[in-house]
Protein backbone atom coordinates (compact mmCIF):
# COMPACT_ATOMS: atom_id res chain seq x y z
CA MET A 1 -13.65 1.07 -15.76
CA TYR A 2 -12.16 -2.37 -16.29
CA ASN A 3 -8.79 -0.81 -17.14
CA GLY A 4 -8.80 1.07 -13.83
CA ILE A 5 -9.51 -2.09 -11.86
CA GLN A 6 -6.89 -4.01 -13.82
CA HIS A 7 -4.31 -1.25 -13.20
CA PHE A 8 -5.06 -1.30 -9.48
CA ASN A 9 -4.67 -5.08 -9.30
CA GLU A 10 -1.41 -5.06 -11.22
CA PHE A 11 0.34 -2.11 -9.61
CA ARG A 12 -1.35 -0.60 -6.56
CA ALA A 13 -2.21 -3.84 -4.80
CA LYS A 14 1.43 -4.95 -4.96
CA ARG A 15 2.56 -1.65 -3.48
CA ILE A 16 0.04 -1.98 -0.64
CA GLU A 17 1.18 -5.55 0.03
CA LYS A 18 4.79 -4.37 0.16
CA LYS A 19 3.91 -1.58 2.63
CA ILE A 20 2.04 -4.00 4.89
CA LYS A 21 4.92 -6.50 4.77
CA ASN A 22 7.38 -3.76 5.78
CA PHE A 23 5.00 -2.68 8.54
CA ILE A 24 4.92 -6.20 9.98
CA GLU A 25 8.68 -6.70 9.71
CA GLU A 26 9.59 -3.35 11.29
CA GLY A 27 6.98 -3.50 14.03
CA LYS A 28 5.84 0.08 13.59
CA ASP A 29 2.63 1.36 15.05
CA LEU A 30 -0.58 1.63 13.03
CA ALA A 31 -0.23 5.40 12.53
CA ASP A 32 3.00 4.87 10.58
CA LEU A 33 1.27 2.41 8.27
CA VAL A 34 -1.57 4.85 7.60
CA ASN A 35 0.83 7.73 6.98
CA ASP A 36 2.87 5.62 4.55
CA LYS A 37 -0.28 4.66 2.64
CA MET A 38 -1.38 8.29 2.43
CA LYS A 39 2.01 9.30 1.01
CA MET A 40 1.63 6.61 -1.63
CA TYR A 41 -1.34 8.47 -3.17
CA ASP A 42 0.36 11.86 -3.34
């Protein structure tokens, strides 16, 4: 389980931070942010 948490912290969290940063910079609505996050897990 530790490896899964470590992987999330190293890779997934950075991707989420990047998506949120882009969301703030582009001024999209909340639905676009949610849709982008859902695509990330496909």
